[in-house]
Amino acid sequence: MFIVGFILKAINFYGLYSYTIPLHAFTYGGIGMMTLGMMARISLGHTGRNINQPPSALKWVFALLFLGTLMRVILPIFIPSAYLHIIGTTQGLWIIAFAIFLYHYLMIFIRPRSDGKPG
């Protein structure tokens, strides 16, 4: 999403759409997915679990974030009158994605390490 943000920023040099469109590609898409990816990977590694076998629901978490990013970046360009509804919907997708992550990772966080090491 960072590349998409840079492309949208370059295209918007001519003021075709709001300056917030590329910003949302960077923040919601780029930083949001990067943060969640790091949390998922680090949580597995630091609890002694296999980093190559994340919970299967993680794909749905990233799918929701990707869908939210597409909606937040593309829809306001074509339907600017629905901006507030789009923001509300994408906020809901963000919350649902992180709630699914928390639901599946909470047990990982509170159980002892699977490799038996302290920590």
Protein backbone atom coordinates (compact mmCIF):
# COMPACT_ATOMS: atom_id res chain seq x y z
CA MET A 1 0.00 0.00 0.00
CA PHE A 2 2.96 2.32 0.38
CA ILE A 3 3.57 2.16 -3.37
CA VAL A 4 -0.09 2.89 -4.03
CA GLY A 5 0.16 5.87 -1.68
CA PHE A 6 3.17 7.24 -3.53
CA ILE A 7 1.46 6.78 -6.90
CA LEU A 8 -1.70 8.50 -5.67
CA LYS A 9 0.39 11.32 -4.22
CA ALA A 10 2.15 11.83 -7.55
CA ILE A 11 -1.09 11.75 -9.55
CA ASN A 12 -2.70 14.20 -7.13
CA PHE A 13 -0.09 16.82 -8.04
CA TYR A 14 -2.81 18.18 -10.31
CA GLY A 15 -5.41 18.29 -7.50
CA LEU A 16 -7.74 15.68 -8.94
CA TYR A 17 -8.95 14.50 -5.52
CA SER A 18 -8.54 15.22 -1.83
CA TYR A 19 -5.06 15.15 -0.34
CA THR A 20 -6.35 12.68 2.27
CA ILE A 21 -6.70 9.87 -0.29
CA PRO A 22 -2.94 9.10 -0.53
CA LEU A 23 -2.64 9.70 3.22
CA HIS A 24 -5.18 6.95 3.89
CA ALA A 25 -3.29 4.59 1.57
CA PHE A 26 -0.16 5.21 3.64
CA THR A 27 -1.77 5.08 7.07
CA TYR A 28 -4.75 2.72 6.92
CA GLY A 29 -3.22 0.40 4.35
CA GLY A 30 0.52 0.65 4.75
CA ILE A 31 1.04 1.32 8.43
CA GLY A 32 -2.03 -0.65 9.52
CA MET A 33 -1.03 -3.81 7.67
CA MET A 34 2.63 -3.45 8.62
CA THR A 35 1.74 -3.05 12.30
CA LEU A 36 -0.59 -6.03 12.30
CA GLY A 37 1.92 -8.16 10.40
CA MET A 38 4.67 -7.34 12.88
CA MET A 39 2.38 -8.01 15.85
CA ALA A 40 1.38 -11.37 14.39
CA ARG A 41 4.94 -12.46 13.61
CA ILE A 42 6.57 -11.17 16.81
CA SER A 43 3.81 -12.64 19.00
CA LEU A 44 4.44 -16.10 17.61
CA GLY A 45 8.22 -15.85 17.82
CA HIS A 46 8.37 -14.46 21.35
CA THR A 47 5.99 -17.10 22.68
CA GLY A 48 8.00 -19.99 21.25
CA ARG A 49 5.54 -20.85 18.50
CA ASN A 50 6.26 -21.63 14.86
CA ILE A 51 6.30 -18.37 12.91
CA ASN A 52 5.51 -20.27 9.72
CA GLN A 53 2.18 -21.53 11.08
CA PRO A 54 0.09 -18.53 12.14
CA PRO A 55 -3.57 -18.97 13.06
CA SER A 56 -5.64 -19.61 9.95
CA ALA A 57 -7.91 -16.65 10.71
CA LEU A 58 -5.01 -14.27 10.08
CA LYS A 59 -5.73 -14.35 6.34
CA TRP A 60 -9.22 -12.97 7.06
CA VAL A 61 -7.75 -10.23 9.20
CA PHE A 62 -5.52 -9.07 6.35
CA ALA A 63 -8.36 -9.46 3.85
CA LEU A 64 -10.53 -7.14 5.95
CA LEU A 65 -7.76 -4.57 6.20
CA PHE A 66 -7.11 -4.78 2.46
CA LEU A 67 -10.81 -4.39 1.69
CA GLY A 68 -11.01 -1.44 4.06
CA THR A 69 -8.00 0.16 2.40
CA LEU A 70 -9.49 -0.23 -1.06
CA MET A 71 -12.79 1.22 0.11
CA ARG A 72 -11.13 4.13 1.90
CA VAL A 73 -8.85 5.00 -1.00
CA ILE A 74 -10.91 4.31 -4.12
CA LEU A 75 -14.55 4.96 -3.21
CA PRO A 76 -14.13 8.61 -2.11
CA ILE A 77 -12.64 9.41 -5.52
CA PHE A 78 -15.74 8.16 -7.31
CA ILE A 79 -18.44 8.78 -4.67
CA PRO A 80 -17.31 11.83 -2.67
CA SER A 81 -20.83 12.45 -1.37
CA ALA A 82 -20.69 9.16 0.58
CA TYR A 83 -17.41 10.01 2.31
CA LEU A 84 -18.73 9.86 5.88
CA HIS A 85 -20.43 6.52 5.25
CA ILE A 86 -17.24 5.15 3.71
CA ILE A 87 -15.20 6.30 6.72
CA GLY A 88 -17.68 4.69 9.12
CA THR A 89 -17.69 1.42 7.20
CA THR A 90 -13.91 1.25 7.00
CA GLN A 91 -13.60 2.05 10.70
CA GLY A 92 -15.86 -0.92 11.35
CA LEU A 93 -13.70 -3.17 9.17
CA TRP A 94 -10.60 -1.99 11.04
CA ILE A 95 -12.18 -2.75 14.42
CA ILE A 96 -13.43 -6.16 13.28
CA ALA A 97 -10.00 -7.07 11.88
CA PHE A 98 -8.19 -6.19 15.10
CA ALA A 99 -10.90 -7.88 17.19
CA ILE A 100 -10.40 -11.12 15.23
CA PHE A 101 -6.65 -10.78 15.75
CA LEU A 102 -7.12 -10.27 19.49
CA TYR A 103 -9.55 -13.18 19.74
CA HIS A 104 -7.06 -15.60 18.16
CA TYR A 105 -3.92 -14.21 19.77
CA LEU A 106 -5.19 -13.62 23.30
CA MET A 107 -4.69 -17.28 24.21
CA ILE A 108 -1.20 -17.14 22.74
CA PHE A 109 -0.45 -14.14 24.97
CA ILE A 110 -1.73 -15.61 28.25
CA ARG A 111 -0.54 -19.22 27.93
CA PRO A 112 2.99 -20.31 28.77
CA ARG A 113 5.54 -20.49 25.96
CA SER A 114 5.06 -23.59 23.86
CA ASP A 115 8.81 -24.36 23.80
CA GLY A 116 9.01 -24.49 27.60
CA LYS A 117 11.48 -21.61 27.93
CA PRO A 118 10.85 -18.94 30.55
CA GLY A 119 9.12 -15.75 29.51
